């Protein structure tokens, strides 16, 4: 047991050595000991309890350097805590409802939070510049800041990307809104390099979007996905479904280092190659090209079997 109340949210630090869990009106900071199963306290102490919220804490996040934790609560505040001693450095006011999700940028120049209808953004060193970014009328269930700190990604009815305060002459309006799903989006999350992001919804689909190509996502048939995340190398996505099963999806994209492995897996999954006549009729190939492509197809299948 790591918390006295049911856990609402949890997050690991970027180095995987610390864990923050939220439940009730508090959050707890603990260490994950090397070589020990489960969660233990740091240096034999009971961990650090973050106390100050007046209502349940719904969301938590580490800063990239692990020096701070951000929490969002039903008391309509966001708090920034030092992980070294559990002291609250900032109490950020402004949200008009329970804070569903929070995030901190890599250099901690930006804190963002989502409520049922809006996105709120602060620069903790300049609280007068709090920014309210109007939502699309749906609950933003997830929020992330890109690895370079320039873009905020929210997941609600649509996945939306927003420019972060202080970058150029950006005014805080969404750069784009994407869906493609047949149901509202439940989660949107960046790849480690920020070049792609994924979305999941209750339509049994997982979509991988490129930041510079908004109209052609990679679509994966993920049955009842509840959560999804890119692996650390960005070459695959992990999903958890309603049956409690974890699946790994290799990403076959033109610039993927794992493209060869992905293609081999696809060839192993089939023994069918179009006939010469089918290639002529369906693909418009001439006879010579159709014969060559059929030969190459059969060769690729045989190579991996």
Protein backbone atom coordinates (compact mmCIF):
# COMPACT_ATOMS: atom_id res chain seq x y z
CA UNK A 1 0.00 0.00 0.00
CA UNK A 2 1.49 3.32 -1.07
CA UNK A 3 -1.42 5.63 -0.30
CA UNK A 4 -4.22 5.76 2.25
CA UNK A 5 -6.89 6.72 -0.33
CA UNK A 6 -7.88 5.18 -3.68
CA UNK A 7 -5.35 6.30 -6.29
CA UNK A 8 -6.72 8.77 -8.84
CA UNK A 9 -3.51 9.40 -10.79
CA UNK A 10 0.16 8.46 -10.82
CA UNK A 11 3.31 9.38 -12.73
CA UNK A 12 6.93 8.27 -12.96
CA UNK A 13 9.84 10.68 -13.17
CA UNK A 14 11.70 10.65 -16.49
CA UNK A 15 14.53 8.54 -15.03
CA UNK A 16 12.07 6.00 -13.63
CA UNK A 17 13.43 6.33 -10.11
CA UNK A 18 10.55 8.21 -8.51
CA UNK A 19 6.80 7.78 -8.41
CA UNK A 20 4.10 10.22 -7.38
CA UNK A 21 0.61 8.94 -6.54
CA UNK A 22 -2.49 11.05 -5.88
CA UNK A 23 -5.59 10.16 -3.91
CA UNK A 24 -7.87 12.02 -1.54
CA UNK A 25 -6.62 15.53 -0.85
CA UNK A 26 -2.93 14.61 -0.98
CA UNK A 27 -0.21 13.14 -3.18
CA UNK A 28 2.79 11.05 -2.11
CA UNK A 29 6.30 11.02 -3.52
CA UNK A 30 8.14 7.69 -3.32
CA UNK A 31 11.28 6.12 -4.73
CA UNK A 32 11.46 2.99 -6.83
CA UNK A 33 14.44 1.11 -5.41
CA UNK A 34 16.83 -0.64 -7.78
CA UNK A 35 16.46 -4.39 -7.68
CA UNK A 36 13.45 -4.34 -5.36
CA UNK A 37 9.98 -5.35 -6.48
CA UNK A 38 7.33 -2.75 -5.88
CA UNK A 39 7.61 0.73 -4.44
CA UNK A 40 9.76 1.59 -1.46
CA UNK A 41 10.45 4.84 0.30
CA UNK A 42 13.59 6.88 -0.31
CA UNK A 43 16.52 6.15 2.02
CA UNK A 44 14.34 4.21 4.42
CA UNK A 45 11.92 7.06 5.17
CA UNK A 46 8.22 7.08 4.48
CA UNK A 47 8.41 9.25 1.39
CA UNK A 48 7.14 12.81 1.07
CA UNK A 49 3.45 13.70 1.43
CA UNK A 50 2.26 16.72 -0.54
CA UNK A 51 -0.40 18.41 1.59
CA UNK A 52 -2.32 21.58 0.83
CA UNK A 53 -5.17 20.87 -1.58
CA UNK A 54 -8.62 21.29 -0.03
CA UNK A 55 -10.35 18.76 -2.31
CA UNK A 56 -9.33 15.53 -4.08
CA UNK A 57 -6.23 15.58 -6.29
CA UNK A 58 -7.13 14.31 -9.77
CA UNK A 59 -3.88 14.60 -11.72
CA UNK A 60 -0.11 14.65 -11.21
CA UNK A 61 2.99 15.17 -13.39
CA UNK A 62 6.76 15.47 -12.95
CA UNK A 63 8.88 18.18 -14.53
CA UNK A 64 11.44 16.75 -16.97
CA UNK A 65 14.33 17.14 -14.52
CA UNK A 66 12.34 15.54 -11.68
CA UNK A 67 12.89 18.56 -9.44
CA UNK A 68 9.21 19.45 -9.28
CA UNK A 69 5.78 17.84 -9.25
CA UNK A 70 2.61 19.50 -10.51
CA UNK A 71 -0.81 18.55 -9.11
CA UNK A 72 -4.35 19.44 -10.18
CA UNK A 73 -7.37 19.23 -7.90
CA UNK A 74 -11.13 19.56 -7.53
CA UNK A 75 -10.38 22.71 -5.49
CA UNK A 76 -9.74 24.45 -8.86
CA UNK A 77 -6.05 25.05 -8.19
CA UNK A 78 -2.79 23.75 -9.62
CA UNK A 79 0.17 23.45 -7.26
CA UNK A 80 3.89 23.22 -8.03
CA UNK A 81 5.93 21.30 -5.43
CA UNK A 82 9.66 20.80 -4.86
CA UNK A 83 10.39 17.08 -4.83
CA UNK A 84 13.34 17.54 -2.47
CA UNK A 85 11.25 18.57 0.52
CA UNK A 86 7.58 18.57 -0.54
CA UNK A 87 7.21 22.34 -0.24
CA UNK A 88 4.62 24.02 -2.50
CA UNK A 89 6.45 26.71 -4.50
CA UNK A 90 3.40 28.00 -6.35
CA UNK A 91 -0.37 27.85 -6.03
CA UNK A 92 -1.89 28.62 -9.43
CA UNK A 93 -5.47 29.92 -9.41
CA UNK A 94 -7.81 30.44 -12.34
CA UNK A 95 -9.46 27.19 -13.45
CA UNK A 96 -13.25 27.31 -13.38
CA UNK A 97 -13.75 23.62 -12.62
CA UNK A 98 -11.97 20.48 -11.40
CA UNK A 99 -8.50 20.11 -12.92
CA UNK A 100 -8.59 16.85 -14.88
CA UNK A 101 -5.03 16.78 -16.24
CA UNK A 102 -1.79 18.72 -15.68
CA UNK A 103 1.61 18.88 -17.37
CA UNK A 104 4.91 20.72 -16.98
CA UNK A 105 7.25 21.63 -19.84
CA UNK A 106 10.78 20.27 -20.03
CA UNK A 107 12.42 23.46 -18.80
CA UNK A 108 9.56 24.17 -16.39
CA UNK A 109 8.80 27.49 -18.05
CA UNK A 110 5.23 26.38 -18.64
CA UNK A 111 2.48 24.63 -16.68
CA UNK A 112 -0.77 23.64 -18.39
CA UNK A 113 -4.00 22.24 -16.99
CA UNK A 114 -7.33 21.14 -18.43
CA UNK A 115 -10.80 21.38 -16.95
CA UNK A 116 -14.12 20.17 -18.35
CA UNK A 117 -14.17 22.85 -21.04
CA UNK A 118 -10.96 24.87 -21.10
CA UNK A 119 -7.19 24.73 -21.22
CA UNK A 120 -5.23 26.95 -18.82
CA UNK A 121 -1.57 27.84 -19.12
CA UNK A 122 0.87 29.62 -16.80
CA UNK A 123 4.49 30.60 -16.66
CA UNK A 124 5.22 29.96 -12.96
CA UNK A 125 7.74 32.81 -12.82
CA UNK A 126 5.24 35.26 -14.32
CA UNK A 127 1.79 34.44 -12.97
CA UNK A 128 0.26 37.58 -14.43
CA UNK A 129 0.49 35.99 -17.89
CA UNK A 130 -1.95 33.19 -17.21
CA UNK A 131 -3.61 32.25 -20.49
CA UNK A 132 -7.07 30.78 -21.02
CA UNK A 133 -7.42 28.77 -24.21
CA UNK A 134 -11.05 27.98 -25.09
CA UNK A 135 -11.83 24.31 -25.59
CA UNK A 136 -14.28 22.63 -27.94
CA UNK A 137 -16.98 22.06 -25.33
CA UNK A 138 -15.75 18.59 -24.40
CA UNK A 139 -13.77 17.37 -21.44
CA UNK A 140 -10.03 17.34 -22.22
CA UNK A 141 -9.04 14.05 -20.68
CA UNK A 142 -5.34 14.38 -21.43
CA UNK A 143 -2.77 17.12 -21.89
CA UNK A 144 0.92 16.98 -22.87
CA UNK A 145 3.65 19.45 -23.77
CA UNK A 146 5.91 18.53 -26.69
CA UNK A 147 9.49 17.48 -25.87
CA UNK A 148 10.83 20.79 -27.23
CA UNK A 149 8.36 22.74 -25.09
CA UNK A 150 6.73 24.57 -27.99
CA UNK A 151 3.35 22.83 -28.40
CA UNK A 152 0.55 21.69 -26.09
CA UNK A 153 -1.48 18.63 -27.13
CA UNK A 154 -4.96 18.04 -25.69
CA UNK A 155 -7.34 15.13 -26.16
CA UNK A 156 -11.09 15.74 -25.93
CA UNK A 157 -13.65 15.47 -28.72
CA UNK A 158 -10.72 16.27 -31.01
CA UNK A 159 -6.96 16.20 -30.60
CA UNK A 160 -5.79 19.80 -30.67
CA UNK A 161 -2.33 21.33 -30.69
CA UNK A 162 -1.71 24.77 -29.21
CA UNK A 163 1.39 26.99 -29.34
CA UNK A 164 2.98 27.55 -25.94
CA UNK A 165 3.13 31.06 -24.48
CA UNK A 166 6.26 32.98 -25.36
CA UNK A 167 7.16 31.20 -28.59
CA UNK A 168 7.33 33.80 -31.36
CA UNK A 169 4.16 35.78 -31.98
CA UNK A 170 1.79 32.88 -31.25
CA UNK A 171 -1.55 34.04 -29.84
CA UNK A 172 -2.66 30.80 -28.23
CA UNK A 173 -5.18 29.60 -30.80
CA UNK A 174 -5.12 25.94 -31.85
CA UNK A 175 -2.87 25.08 -34.78
CA UNK A 176 -5.05 22.16 -35.80
CA UNK A 177 -7.86 19.91 -34.67
CA UNK A 178 -7.86 16.25 -35.65
CA UNK A 179 -10.16 13.34 -35.07
CA UNK A 180 -10.82 10.78 -37.79
CA UNK A 181 -12.36 8.59 -35.10
CA UNK A 182 -16.00 7.57 -34.97
CA UNK A 183 -16.13 8.48 -31.27
CA UNK A 184 -14.71 11.27 -29.09
CA UNK A 185 -10.99 10.99 -28.43
CA UNK A 186 -10.08 9.70 -24.96
CA UNK A 187 -6.31 10.17 -25.10
CA UNK A 188 -3.69 12.02 -27.13
CA UNK A 189 0.03 11.53 -26.50
CA UNK A 190 3.32 12.63 -28.13
CA UNK A 191 6.07 10.35 -29.40
CA UNK A 192 9.43 10.81 -27.62
CA UNK A 193 10.76 13.05 -30.42
CA UNK A 194 7.54 15.08 -30.72
CA UNK A 195 7.27 14.36 -34.46
CA UNK A 196 4.18 12.19 -34.04
CA UNK A 197 1.31 11.73 -31.63
CA UNK A 198 -1.25 9.00 -31.06
CA UNK A 199 -4.98 9.15 -30.35
CA UNK A 200 -7.38 6.49 -29.04
CA UNK A 201 -11.17 6.44 -28.83
CA UNK A 202 -13.99 4.00 -28.16
CA UNK A 203 -14.25 3.14 -31.86
CA UNK A 204 -11.60 0.39 -31.43
CA UNK A 205 -9.03 2.38 -33.39
CA UNK A 206 -5.62 3.79 -32.56
CA UNK A 207 -4.33 6.49 -34.88
CA UNK A 208 -0.74 7.68 -35.28
CA UNK A 209 -0.49 11.25 -36.63
CA UNK A 210 2.53 13.13 -37.92
CA UNK A 211 2.78 16.72 -36.82
CA UNK A 212 3.60 17.84 -40.37
CA UNK A 213 0.97 15.67 -42.07
CA UNK A 214 -2.48 16.08 -40.59
CA UNK A 215 -4.55 14.14 -43.10
CA UNK A 216 -2.92 10.73 -43.37
CA UNK A 217 -2.69 8.92 -40.02
CA UNK A 218 -1.58 5.34 -39.54
CA UNK A 219 -4.69 3.47 -38.32
CA UNK A 220 -4.39 0.41 -36.05
CA UNK A 221 -7.33 -1.83 -35.11
CA UNK A 222 -6.85 -1.88 -31.32
CA UNK A 223 -9.81 -3.57 -29.64
CA UNK A 224 -11.23 -1.58 -26.71
CA UNK A 225 -8.06 0.46 -26.00
CA UNK A 226 -8.06 2.13 -22.57
CA UNK A 227 -4.53 3.51 -22.65
CA UNK A 228 -1.69 3.82 -25.14
CA UNK A 229 1.87 5.08 -25.08
CA UNK A 230 4.89 5.22 -27.36
CA UNK A 231 7.87 3.14 -26.32
CA UNK A 232 10.98 5.12 -25.37
CA UNK A 233 12.62 4.54 -28.77
CA UNK A 234 9.48 5.69 -30.62
CA UNK A 235 9.49 2.56 -32.81
CA UNK A 236 6.40 0.93 -31.29
CA UNK A 237 3.23 1.70 -29.34
CA UNK A 238 1.97 -0.17 -26.28
CA UNK A 239 -1.78 -0.46 -25.62
CA UNK A 240 -3.81 -1.70 -22.69
CA UNK A 241 -7.33 -2.91 -23.49
CA UNK A 242 -10.47 -3.48 -21.43
CA UNK A 243 -9.54 -7.16 -20.95
CA UNK A 244 -6.30 -6.13 -19.25
CA UNK A 245 -4.10 -7.28 -22.12
CA UNK A 246 -1.00 -5.33 -23.14
CA UNK A 247 -0.10 -5.30 -26.84
CA UNK A 248 2.91 -3.96 -28.69
CA UNK A 249 2.46 -2.44 -32.16
CA UNK A 250 5.60 -1.90 -34.28
CA UNK A 251 5.32 1.24 -36.37
CA UNK A 252 6.04 0.73 -40.06
CA UNK A 253 6.62 4.27 -41.26
CA UNK A 254 8.93 5.38 -44.09
CA UNK A 255 11.43 6.96 -41.70
CA UNK A 256 11.29 4.17 -39.13
CA UNK A 257 14.49 2.31 -38.28
CA UNK A 258 12.36 -0.80 -37.73
CA UNK A 259 10.86 -0.69 -41.23
CA UNK A 260 12.71 -3.83 -42.37
CA UNK A 261 11.51 -5.81 -39.37
CA UNK A 262 7.96 -4.57 -39.91
CA UNK A 263 8.01 -5.57 -43.57
CA UNK A 264 9.33 -9.03 -42.68
CA UNK A 265 6.47 -9.47 -40.21
CA UNK A 266 3.97 -8.50 -42.89
CA UNK A 267 5.44 -10.96 -45.39
CA UNK A 268 5.33 -13.75 -42.79
CA UNK A 269 1.64 -13.07 -42.31
CA UNK A 270 0.69 -13.83 -45.91
CA UNK A 271 1.30 -16.42 -48.59
CA UNK A 272 -0.78 -14.62 -51.22
CA UNK A 273 0.65 -12.72 -54.17
CA UNK A 274 -1.50 -11.17 -56.88
CA UNK A 275 -1.57 -13.04 -60.17
CA UNK A 276 -0.23 -11.45 -63.34
CA UNK A 277 -3.78 -11.00 -64.63
CA UNK A 278 -4.96 -9.39 -61.38
CA UNK A 279 -2.08 -6.91 -61.51
CA UNK A 280 -2.93 -6.01 -65.10
CA UNK A 281 -6.67 -5.59 -64.40
CA UNK A 282 -6.58 -4.02 -60.90
CA UNK A 283 -3.32 -2.11 -60.84
CA UNK A 284 -2.98 -1.16 -64.50
CA UNK A 285 0.45 -2.83 -64.82
CA UNK A 286 1.73 -3.97 -68.18
CA UNK A 287 2.44 -7.69 -68.54
CA UNK A 288 6.21 -7.47 -68.09
CA UNK A 289 5.95 -5.33 -64.94
CA UNK A 290 3.21 -7.59 -63.53
CA UNK A 291 5.36 -10.70 -63.96
CA UNK A 292 8.36 -9.06 -62.31
CA UNK A 293 6.35 -7.82 -59.33
CA UNK A 294 4.71 -11.21 -58.84
CA UNK A 295 8.16 -12.84 -58.87
CA UNK A 296 9.45 -10.33 -56.31
CA UNK A 297 6.41 -10.88 -54.08
CA UNK A 298 6.92 -14.65 -54.03
CA UNK A 299 10.60 -14.13 -53.33
CA UNK A 300 9.90 -11.87 -50.34
CA UNK A 301 7.43 -14.36 -48.86
CA UNK A 302 9.83 -17.27 -49.26
CA UNK A 303 12.73 -15.28 -47.78
CA UNK A 304 11.12 -14.90 -44.34
CA UNK A 305 9.51 -18.34 -44.08
